[in-house]
C-alpha atoms as a PDB file:
ATOM      1  CA  UNK A   1     173.992 138.552 -24.670  1.00  0.00           C
ATOM      2  CA  UNK A   2     170.724 138.733 -22.818  1.00  0.00           C
ATOM      3  CA  UNK A   3     169.715 141.910 -21.038  1.00  0.00           C
ATOM      4  CA  UNK A   4     166.542 143.129 -19.425  1.00  0.00           C
ATOM      5  CA  UNK A   5     165.541 146.712 -20.104  1.00  0.00           C
ATOM      6  CA  UNK A   6     162.844 148.435 -18.027  1.00  0.00           C
ATOM      7  CA  UNK A   7     159.826 149.581 -20.060  1.00  0.00           C
ATOM      8  CA  UNK A   8     160.614 153.260 -19.438  1.00  0.00           C
ATOM      9  CA  UNK A   9     163.936 153.019 -21.328  1.00  0.00           C
ATOM     10  CA  UNK A  10     163.942 153.073 -25.112  1.00  0.00           C
ATOM     11  CA  UNK A  11     165.773 150.039 -26.502  1.00  0.00           C
ATOM     12  CA  UNK A  12     167.897 152.034 -28.940  1.00  0.00           C
ATOM     13  CA  UNK A  13     169.084 154.282 -26.069  1.00  0.00           C
ATOM     14  CA  UNK A  14     170.100 151.248 -24.000  1.00  0.00           C
ATOM     15  CA  UNK A  15     171.986 149.696 -26.926  1.00  0.00           C
ATOM     16  CA  UNK A  16     173.696 153.002 -27.718  1.00  0.00           C
ATOM     17  CA  UNK A  17     174.828 153.409 -24.097  1.00  0.00           C
ATOM     18  CA  UNK A  18     176.070 149.807 -23.902  1.00  0.00           C
ATOM     19  CA  UNK A  19     178.044 150.075 -27.127  1.00  0.00           C
ATOM     20  CA  UNK A  20     179.581 153.432 -26.199  1.00  0.00           C
ATOM     21  CA  UNK A  21     180.596 152.416 -22.672  1.00  0.00           C
ATOM     22  CA  UNK A  22     181.875 148.961 -23.608  1.00  0.00           C
ATOM     23  CA  UNK A  23     183.885 150.427 -26.481  1.00  0.00           C
ATOM     24  CA  UNK A  24     185.588 152.907 -24.159  1.00  0.00           C
ATOM     25  CA  UNK A  25     186.271 150.236 -21.526  1.00  0.00           C
ATOM     26  CA  UNK A  26     187.704 147.746 -24.017  1.00  0.00           C
ATOM     27  CA  UNK A  27     189.934 150.387 -25.598  1.00  0.00           C
ATOM     28  CA  UNK A  28     191.268 151.370 -22.189  1.00  0.00           C
ATOM     29  CA  UNK A  29     191.992 147.769 -21.247  1.00  0.00           C
ATOM     30  CA  UNK A  30     193.467 146.493 -24.526  1.00  0.00           C
ATOM     31  CA  UNK A  31     196.127 148.478 -26.330  1.00  0.00           C
ATOM     32  CA  UNK A  32     195.786 146.533 -29.573  1.00  0.00           C
ATOM     33  CA  UNK A  33     192.164 147.681 -29.840  1.00  0.00           C
ATOM     34  CA  UNK A  34     193.221 151.318 -29.490  1.00  0.00           C
ATOM     35  CA  UNK A  35     195.759 150.782 -32.260  1.00  0.00           C
ATOM     36  CA  UNK A  36     193.290 149.026 -34.573  1.00  0.00           C
ATOM     37  CA  UNK A  37     190.615 151.700 -34.295  1.00  0.00           C
ATOM     38  CA  UNK A  38     192.323 155.028 -34.769  1.00  0.00           C
ATOM     39  CA  UNK A  39     189.041 156.910 -34.948  1.00  0.00           C
ATOM     40  CA  UNK A  40     187.261 157.604 -31.682  1.00  0.00           C
ATOM     41  CA  UNK A  41     183.896 156.507 -33.073  1.00  0.00           C
ATOM     42  CA  UNK A  42     184.071 153.202 -31.272  1.00  0.00           C
ATOM     43  CA  UNK A  43     184.614 149.574 -32.148  1.00  0.00           C
ATOM     44  CA  UNK A  44     181.060 148.407 -32.809  1.00  0.00           C
ATOM     45  CA  UNK A  45     179.145 148.395 -36.067  1.00  0.00           C
ATOM     46  CA  UNK A  46     176.273 150.803 -36.539  1.00  0.00           C
ATOM     47  CA  UNK A  47     173.413 148.312 -36.429  1.00  0.00           C
ATOM     48  CA  UNK A  48     172.032 145.859 -33.892  1.00  0.00           C
ATOM     49  CA  UNK A  49     169.371 143.168 -33.630  1.00  0.00           C
ATOM     50  CA  UNK A  50     166.767 142.978 -30.884  1.00  0.00           C
ATOM     51  CA  UNK A  51     164.230 140.274 -30.214  1.00  0.00           C
ATOM     52  CA  UNK A  52     161.913 139.493 -27.352  1.00  0.00           C
ATOM     53  CA  UNK A  53     162.312 136.121 -25.689  1.00  0.00           C
ATOM     54  CA  UNK A  54     158.874 135.108 -24.606  1.00  0.00           C
ATOM     55  CA  UNK A  55     158.466 131.538 -23.403  1.00  0.00           C
ATOM     56  CA  UNK A  56     161.916 130.253 -24.454  1.00  0.00           C
ATOM     57  CA  UNK A  57     163.920 132.354 -21.994  1.00  0.00           C
ATOM     58  CA  UNK A  58     165.492 129.400 -20.177  1.00  0.00           C
ATOM     59  CA  UNK A  59     166.575 127.774 -23.428  1.00  0.00           C
ATOM     60  CA  UNK A  60     168.191 131.011 -24.594  1.00  0.00           C
ATOM     61  CA  UNK A  61     169.916 131.527 -21.220  1.00  0.00           C
ATOM     62  CA  UNK A  62     171.442 128.052 -21.479  1.00  0.00           C
ATOM     63  CA  UNK A  63     172.553 128.694 -25.050  1.00  0.00           C
ATOM     64  CA  UNK A  64     174.320 131.890 -23.987  1.00  0.00           C
ATOM     65  CA  UNK A  65     175.815 130.240 -20.898  1.00  0.00           C
ATOM     66  CA  UNK A  66     177.399 127.375 -22.835  1.00  0.00           C
ATOM     67  CA  UNK A  67     178.174 129.279 -26.025  1.00  0.00           C
ATOM     68  CA  UNK A  68     181.930 129.385 -25.413  1.00  0.00           C
ATOM     69  CA  UNK A  69     182.347 125.697 -24.623  1.00  0.00           C
ATOM     70  CA  UNK A  70     183.563 123.196 -27.172  1.00  0.00           C
ATOM     71  CA  UNK A  71     180.923 121.122 -28.825  1.00  0.00           C
ATOM     72  CA  UNK A  72     181.083 117.382 -28.463  1.00  0.00           C
ATOM     73  CA  UNK A  73     182.486 115.699 -31.570  1.00  0.00           C
ATOM     74  CA  UNK A  74     179.747 114.249 -33.674  1.00  0.00           C
ATOM     75  CA  UNK A  75     180.002 111.434 -36.159  1.00  0.00           C
ATOM     76  CA  UNK A  76     177.918 111.168 -39.251  1.00  0.00           C
ATOM     77  CA  UNK A  77     177.001 107.965 -40.996  1.00  0.00           C
ATOM     78  CA  UNK A  78     177.289 107.930 -44.725  1.00  0.00           C
ATOM     79  CA  UNK A  79     174.911 105.610 -46.487  1.00  0.00           C
END
């Protein structure tokens, strides 16, 4: 997932809000999630990873865009 956060918002606050809201929304939409997570703490793990993109933004956007598609079969030559 790629998001842009304005400089006046602390990254950990943005991640916390995203995880809390998405957890609530997913639990409302999918019953099996509500049944799996009996505690109301949410469905996400405690940690997260953040990295700045810099000059490779377009490459990362394309990776995210095509992440769910099947990869083309590849063949390997053995000596």
